[in-house]
Amino acid sequence: MNLSKKQAEKLVKGCINNERTAQEALYKLFHADMLRVCYSYIPDKELAKEAFNSGFLKVFQSIQNFDIEKGELGGWIRKIMIYTSIDLSRKELKFSSTLVLEKDEDDFFISPQVLEKLYFEDILQKIRSLPRATQMVFNLSVIDGFTHKEIGEQLHISEGTSRWHLAEAKRKLKALLEPPSISIDQPKERSEKAK
């Protein structure tokens, strides 16, 4: 959501002054995008809505801390939504701290041609099929650009465990997204069987 600096200042000042019209405008402006953020971290729709509502409550309670000179309003709200979603789902996540990343395990690549054929919802469905902990690390790293150190701090896991979950997510997504390769010899076998 691209707001001009002037528009953002007006909304923030209105929210600080508890003006209902400003609060409603801010809510409506970011509703769809921020609900999508929560839903990308929490597959259960009701829990995602709970995270969204809790997140917006935090936004309104701490709006006076937002500094327009240091960042963009949408980015600030997005971080609050991410952290709220993490807090809500942290209880359910079970991380193993003994996982070790094998060499070159992080080198999985999904070809751009495959990704171009898929729509956002298709990809999101595949991501949601990952185990919850692996999905959370993938979202934080790939979608939201967190470092393994930041992920570890947020989820109370080691950087190595974060790396393992990311590699595992990439490995599983590659298997889910890329069709199995067909052997060149296979058509010959079929034609020989047909004779």
C-alpha atoms as a PDB file:
ATOM      1  CA  MET A   1       0.000   0.000   0.000  1.00  0.00           C
ATOM      2  CA  ASN A   2       1.670   3.205  -1.139  1.00  0.00           C
ATOM      3  CA  LEU A   3       0.609   6.200   0.887  1.00  0.00           C
ATOM      4  CA  SER A   4       2.168   9.585   0.479  1.00  0.00           C
ATOM      5  CA  LYS A   5       4.028  10.892   3.501  1.00  0.00           C
ATOM      6  CA  LYS A   6       1.340  13.535   3.957  1.00  0.00           C
ATOM      7  CA  GLN A   7      -1.496  10.965   3.875  1.00  0.00           C
ATOM      8  CA  ALA A   8       0.306   8.729   6.364  1.00  0.00           C
ATOM      9  CA  GLU A   9       0.957  11.669   8.715  1.00  0.00           C
ATOM     10  CA  LYS A  10      -2.704  12.650   8.606  1.00  0.00           C
ATOM     11  CA  LEU A  11      -3.862   9.103   9.373  1.00  0.00           C
ATOM     12  CA  VAL A  12      -1.343   8.658  12.192  1.00  0.00           C
ATOM     13  CA  LYS A  13      -2.221  11.999  13.807  1.00  0.00           C
ATOM     14  CA  GLY A  14      -5.927  11.183  13.572  1.00  0.00           C
ATOM     15  CA  CYS A  15      -5.386   7.784  15.185  1.00  0.00           C
ATOM     16  CA  ILE A  16      -3.241   9.306  17.959  1.00  0.00           C
ATOM     17  CA  ASN A  17      -6.115  11.721  18.662  1.00  0.00           C
ATOM     18  CA  ASN A  18      -8.589   8.767  18.748  1.00  0.00           C
ATOM     19  CA  GLU A  19     -10.528  10.080  15.761  1.00  0.00           C
ATOM     20  CA  ARG A  20     -12.871   7.300  14.671  1.00  0.00           C
ATOM     21  CA  THR A  21     -12.788   8.332  11.008  1.00  0.00           C
ATOM     22  CA  ALA A  22      -8.987   8.088  10.908  1.00  0.00           C
ATOM     23  CA  GLN A  23      -9.007   4.721  12.727  1.00  0.00           C
ATOM     24  CA  GLU A  24     -11.657   3.379  10.362  1.00  0.00           C
ATOM     25  CA  ALA A  25      -9.771   4.662   7.309  1.00  0.00           C
ATOM     26  CA  LEU A  26      -6.510   3.044   8.491  1.00  0.00           C
ATOM     27  CA  TYR A  27      -8.293  -0.231   9.201  1.00  0.00           C
ATOM     28  CA  LYS A  28     -10.042  -0.323   5.817  1.00  0.00           C
ATOM     29  CA  LEU A  29      -6.890   0.694   3.969  1.00  0.00           C
ATOM     30  CA  PHE A  30      -4.794  -2.163   5.341  1.00  0.00           C
ATOM     31  CA  HIS A  31      -7.473  -4.772   6.098  1.00  0.00           C
ATOM     32  CA  ALA A  32      -7.065  -7.073   3.094  1.00  0.00           C
ATOM     33  CA  ASP A  33      -3.262  -6.957   2.917  1.00  0.00           C
ATOM     34  CA  MET A  34      -2.716  -7.502   6.639  1.00  0.00           C
ATOM     35  CA  LEU A  35      -5.285 -10.276   6.890  1.00  0.00           C
ATOM     36  CA  ARG A  36      -3.393 -11.970   4.050  1.00  0.00           C
ATOM     37  CA  VAL A  37      -0.147 -11.586   6.044  1.00  0.00           C
ATOM     38  CA  CYS A  38      -1.720 -13.258   9.085  1.00  0.00           C
ATOM     39  CA  TYR A  39      -3.212 -15.982   6.918  1.00  0.00           C
ATOM     40  CA  SER A  40       0.191 -16.716   5.386  1.00  0.00           C
ATOM     41  CA  TYR A  41       1.539 -17.479   8.874  1.00  0.00           C
ATOM     42  CA  ILE A  42      -1.539 -19.131  10.361  1.00  0.00           C
ATOM     43  CA  PRO A  43      -3.471 -21.485   8.052  1.00  0.00           C
ATOM     44  CA  ASP A  44      -6.471 -21.691  10.384  1.00  0.00           C
ATOM     45  CA  LYS A  45      -8.771 -18.857   9.284  1.00  0.00           C
ATOM     46  CA  GLU A  46     -10.214 -18.193  12.733  1.00  0.00           C
ATOM     47  CA  LEU A  47      -6.776 -18.002  14.348  1.00  0.00           C
ATOM     48  CA  ALA A  48      -5.561 -15.782  11.508  1.00  0.00           C
ATOM     49  CA  LYS A  49      -8.486 -13.420  12.128  1.00  0.00           C
ATOM     50  CA  GLU A  50      -7.652 -13.451  15.844  1.00  0.00           C
ATOM     51  CA  ALA A  51      -4.039 -12.521  15.055  1.00  0.00           C
ATOM     52  CA  PHE A  52      -5.248  -9.803  12.689  1.00  0.00           C
ATOM     53  CA  ASN A  53      -7.574  -8.286  15.295  1.00  0.00           C
ATOM     54  CA  SER A  54      -4.939  -8.480  18.033  1.00  0.00           C
ATOM     55  CA  GLY A  55      -2.420  -6.964  15.645  1.00  0.00           C
ATOM     56  CA  PHE A  56      -4.649  -4.024  14.813  1.00  0.00           C
ATOM     57  CA  LEU A  57      -5.320  -3.450  18.492  1.00  0.00           C
ATOM     58  CA  LYS A  58      -1.538  -3.253  18.991  1.00  0.00           C
ATOM     59  CA  VAL A  59      -1.300  -0.855  16.029  1.00  0.00           C
ATOM     60  CA  PHE A  60      -3.843   1.510  17.575  1.00  0.00           C
ATOM     61  CA  GLN A  61      -2.298   1.200  21.044  1.00  0.00           C
ATOM     62  CA  SER A  62       1.218   1.970  19.826  1.00  0.00           C
ATOM     63  CA  ILE A  63       0.568   4.272  16.848  1.00  0.00           C
ATOM     64  CA  GLN A  64       2.220   7.156  18.717  1.00  0.00           C
ATOM     65  CA  ASN A  65       5.515   5.185  18.488  1.00  0.00           C
ATOM     66  CA  PHE A  66       5.458   5.160  14.688  1.00  0.00           C
ATOM     67  CA  ASP A  67       8.098   7.488  13.240  1.00  0.00           C
ATOM     68  CA  ILE A  68       7.286   8.562   9.695  1.00  0.00           C
ATOM     69  CA  GLU A  69      10.920   9.547   9.167  1.00  0.00           C
ATOM     70  CA  LYS A  70      12.178   6.020   9.889  1.00  0.00           C
ATOM     71  CA  GLY A  71       9.843   3.931   7.786  1.00  0.00           C
ATOM     72  CA  GLU A  72       6.686   3.350   5.822  1.00  0.00           C
ATOM     73  CA  LEU A  73       3.377   2.941   7.671  1.00  0.00           C
ATOM     74  CA  GLY A  74       2.394  -0.239   5.829  1.00  0.00           C
ATOM     75  CA  GLY A  75       5.732  -1.864   6.621  1.00  0.00           C
ATOM     76  CA  TRP A  76       5.412  -0.944  10.300  1.00  0.00           C
ATOM     77  CA  ILE A  77       1.887  -2.428  10.474  1.00  0.00           C
ATOM     78  CA  ARG A  78       3.051  -5.543   8.581  1.00  0.00           C
ATOM     79  CA  LYS A  79       5.795  -6.199  11.162  1.00  0.00           C
ATOM     80  CA  ILE A  80       3.256  -5.928  13.970  1.00  0.00           C
ATOM     81  CA  MET A  81       1.015  -8.434  12.161  1.00  0.00           C
ATOM     82  CA  ILE A  82       3.909 -10.840  11.622  1.00  0.00           C
ATOM     83  CA  TYR A  83       5.022 -10.693  15.259  1.00  0.00           C
ATOM     84  CA  THR A  84       1.436 -11.082  16.485  1.00  0.00           C
ATOM     85  CA  SER A  85       0.945 -14.115  14.221  1.00  0.00           C
ATOM     86  CA  ILE A  86       4.188 -15.633  15.468  1.00  0.00           C
ATOM     87  CA  ASP A  87       3.212 -15.055  19.098  1.00  0.00           C
ATOM     88  CA  LEU A  88      -0.174 -16.684  18.550  1.00  0.00           C
ATOM     89  CA  SER A  89       1.210 -19.748  16.802  1.00  0.00           C
ATOM     90  CA  ARG A  90       4.411 -20.135  18.851  1.00  0.00           C
ATOM     91  CA  LYS A  91       2.593 -22.293  21.402  1.00  0.00           C
ATOM     92  CA  GLU A  92       1.629 -24.798  18.724  1.00  0.00           C
ATOM     93  CA  LEU A  93       5.019 -25.003  17.032  1.00  0.00           C
ATOM     94  CA  LYS A  94       7.300 -27.826  17.994  1.00  0.00           C
ATOM     95  CA  PHE A  95      10.912 -27.234  17.005  1.00  0.00           C
ATOM     96  CA  SER A  96      13.706 -29.705  17.346  1.00  0.00           C
ATOM     97  CA  SER A  97      16.949 -28.034  18.333  1.00  0.00           C
ATOM     98  CA  THR A  98      19.079 -31.008  17.261  1.00  0.00           C
ATOM     99  CA  LEU A  99      18.593 -30.651  13.524  1.00  0.00           C
ATOM    100  CA  VAL A 100      21.764 -30.266  11.493  1.00  0.00           C
ATOM    101  CA  LEU A 101      21.969 -28.766   8.004  1.00  0.00           C
ATOM    102  CA  GLU A 102      23.857 -30.981   5.586  1.00  0.00           C
ATOM    103  CA  LYS A 103      26.260 -29.357   3.134  1.00  0.00           C
ATOM    104  CA  ASP A 104      24.603 -28.122  -0.064  1.00  0.00           C
ATOM    105  CA  GLU A 105      21.177 -28.914   1.402  1.00  0.00           C
ATOM    106  CA  ASP A 106      20.209 -25.265   0.978  1.00  0.00           C
ATOM    107  CA  ASP A 107      20.875 -25.336  -2.781  1.00  0.00           C
ATOM    108  CA  PHE A 108      17.419 -26.366  -3.975  1.00  0.00           C
ATOM    109  CA  PHE A 109      16.200 -24.448  -6.968  1.00  0.00           C
ATOM    110  CA  ILE A 110      12.733 -24.258  -8.469  1.00  0.00           C
ATOM    111  CA  SER A 111      12.799 -23.155 -12.065  1.00  0.00           C
ATOM    112  CA  PRO A 112      11.099 -19.831 -12.875  1.00  0.00           C
ATOM    113  CA  GLN A 113       9.046 -21.521 -15.603  1.00  0.00           C
ATOM    114  CA  VAL A 114       7.338 -23.688 -12.981  1.00  0.00           C
ATOM    115  CA  LEU A 115       6.640 -20.708 -10.736  1.00  0.00           C
ATOM    116  CA  GLU A 116       5.226 -18.655 -13.612  1.00  0.00           C
ATOM    117  CA  LYS A 117       2.576 -21.323 -14.203  1.00  0.00           C
ATOM    118  CA  LEU A 118       1.311 -21.243 -10.653  1.00  0.00           C
ATOM    119  CA  TYR A 119      -0.975 -18.659  -9.133  1.00  0.00           C
ATOM    120  CA  PHE A 120      -0.447 -17.168  -5.679  1.00  0.00           C
ATOM    121  CA  GLU A 121      -3.148 -19.345  -4.112  1.00  0.00           C
ATOM    122  CA  ASP A 122      -1.598 -22.497  -5.587  1.00  0.00           C
ATOM    123  CA  ILE A 123       1.777 -21.619  -4.122  1.00  0.00           C
ATOM    124  CA  LEU A 124       0.230 -20.648  -0.793  1.00  0.00           C
ATOM    125  CA  GLN A 125      -1.566 -24.001  -0.676  1.00  0.00           C
ATOM    126  CA  LYS A 126       1.746 -25.815  -1.227  1.00  0.00           C
ATOM    127  CA  ILE A 127       3.441 -23.735   1.470  1.00  0.00           C
ATOM    128  CA  ARG A 128       0.605 -24.539   3.869  1.00  0.00           C
ATOM    129  CA  SER A 129       1.140 -28.253   3.273  1.00  0.00           C
ATOM    130  CA  LEU A 130       4.549 -27.947   4.976  1.00  0.00           C
ATOM    131  CA  PRO A 131       4.862 -28.818   8.656  1.00  0.00           C
ATOM    132  CA  ARG A 132       3.948 -25.748  10.744  1.00  0.00           C
ATOM    133  CA  ALA A 133       7.456 -25.026  12.038  1.00  0.00           C
ATOM    134  CA  THR A 134       8.996 -25.387   8.577  1.00  0.00           C
ATOM    135  CA  GLN A 135       6.270 -23.211   7.066  1.00  0.00           C
ATOM    136  CA  MET A 136       6.846 -20.486   9.667  1.00  0.00           C
ATOM    137  CA  VAL A 137      10.599 -20.364   9.003  1.00  0.00           C
ATOM    138  CA  PHE A 138      10.024 -20.352   5.219  1.00  0.00           C
ATOM    139  CA  ASN A 139       7.573 -17.430   5.465  1.00  0.00           C
ATOM    140  CA  LEU A 140       9.858 -15.416   7.714  1.00  0.00           C
ATOM    141  CA  SER A 141      12.936 -16.008   5.569  1.00  0.00           C
ATOM    142  CA  VAL A 142      11.673 -16.043   1.987  1.00  0.00           C
ATOM    143  CA  ILE A 143       8.532 -13.941   2.086  1.00  0.00           C
ATOM    144  CA  ASP A 144       9.445 -11.389   4.747  1.00  0.00           C
ATOM    145  CA  GLY A 145      13.251 -11.330   4.480  1.00  0.00           C
ATOM    146  CA  PHE A 146      14.182 -12.094   8.078  1.00  0.00           C
ATOM    147  CA  THR A 147      17.717 -13.366   8.743  1.00  0.00           C
ATOM    148  CA  HIS A 148      18.278 -16.717  10.439  1.00  0.00           C
ATOM    149  CA  LYS A 149      19.432 -14.827  13.523  1.00  0.00           C
ATOM    150  CA  GLU A 150      16.173 -12.827  13.631  1.00  0.00           C
ATOM    151  CA  ILE A 151      14.117 -15.975  13.028  1.00  0.00           C
ATOM    152  CA  GLY A 152      15.966 -17.749  15.825  1.00  0.00           C
ATOM    153  CA  GLU A 153      15.274 -14.878  18.216  1.00  0.00           C
ATOM    154  CA  GLN A 154      11.585 -14.737  17.288  1.00  0.00           C
ATOM    155  CA  LEU A 155      10.955 -18.479  17.458  1.00  0.00           C
ATOM    156  CA  HIS A 156      13.434 -19.285  20.247  1.00  0.00           C
ATOM    157  CA  ILE A 157      15.472 -21.668  18.091  1.00  0.00           C
ATOM    158  CA  SER A 158      19.082 -21.757  16.967  1.00  0.00           C
ATOM    159  CA  GLU A 159      20.220 -20.304  13.646  1.00  0.00           C
ATOM    160  CA  GLY A 160      21.155 -23.834  12.560  1.00  0.00           C
ATOM    161  CA  THR A 161      17.636 -25.070  13.256  1.00  0.00           C
ATOM    162  CA  SER A 162      16.265 -22.144  11.263  1.00  0.00           C
ATOM    163  CA  ARG A 163      18.562 -23.012   8.347  1.00  0.00           C
ATOM    164  CA  TRP A 164      17.498 -26.657   8.497  1.00  0.00           C
ATOM    165  CA  HIS A 165      13.794 -25.727   8.371  1.00  0.00           C
ATOM    166  CA  LEU A 166      14.407 -23.419   5.398  1.00  0.00           C
ATOM    167  CA  ALA A 167      16.333 -26.116   3.524  1.00  0.00           C
ATOM    168  CA  GLU A 168      13.624 -28.652   4.366  1.00  0.00           C
ATOM    169  CA  ALA A 169      10.931 -26.260   3.116  1.00  0.00           C
ATOM    170  CA  LYS A 170      12.781 -25.693  -0.158  1.00  0.00           C
ATOM    171  CA  ARG A 171      13.353 -29.423  -0.624  1.00  0.00           C
ATOM    172  CA  LYS A 172       9.701 -30.266   0.002  1.00  0.00           C
ATOM    173  CA  LEU A 173       8.388 -27.379  -2.101  1.00  0.00           C
ATOM    174  CA  LYS A 174      10.637 -28.378  -4.983  1.00  0.00           C
ATOM    175  CA  ALA A 175       9.207 -31.887  -4.852  1.00  0.00           C
ATOM    176  CA  LEU A 176       5.650 -30.522  -4.699  1.00  0.00           C
ATOM    177  CA  LEU A 177       6.033 -27.879  -7.406  1.00  0.00           C
ATOM    178  CA  GLU A 178       8.141 -29.582 -10.057  1.00  0.00           C
ATOM    179  CA  PRO A 179       6.561 -32.407 -11.994  1.00  0.00           C
ATOM    180  CA  PRO A 180       8.479 -35.687 -11.967  1.00  0.00           C
ATOM    181  CA  SER A 181      10.878 -35.932 -14.888  1.00  0.00           C
ATOM    182  CA  ILE A 182       9.997 -38.431 -17.571  1.00  0.00           C
ATOM    183  CA  SER A 183      12.720 -40.695 -18.812  1.00  0.00           C
ATOM    184  CA  ILE A 184      13.616 -40.416 -22.501  1.00  0.00           C
ATOM    185  CA  ASP A 185      13.607 -44.217 -22.771  1.00  0.00           C
ATOM    186  CA  GLN A 186      10.037 -44.476 -21.491  1.00  0.00           C
ATOM    187  CA  PRO A 187       8.276 -43.788 -24.847  1.00  0.00           C
ATOM    188  CA  LYS A 188      10.381 -46.497 -26.521  1.00  0.00           C
ATOM    189  CA  GLU A 189       9.311 -49.013 -23.897  1.00  0.00           C
ATOM    190  CA  ARG A 190       5.662 -48.163 -24.482  1.00  0.00           C
ATOM    191  CA  SER A 191       5.986 -48.497 -28.235  1.00  0.00           C
ATOM    192  CA  GLU A 192       7.780 -51.853 -27.859  1.00  0.00           C
ATOM    193  CA  LYS A 193       5.047 -53.132 -25.513  1.00  0.00           C
ATOM    194  CA  ALA A 194       2.385 -52.069 -28.002  1.00  0.00           C
ATOM    195  CA  LYS A 195       3.897 -54.372 -30.675  1.00  0.00           C
END
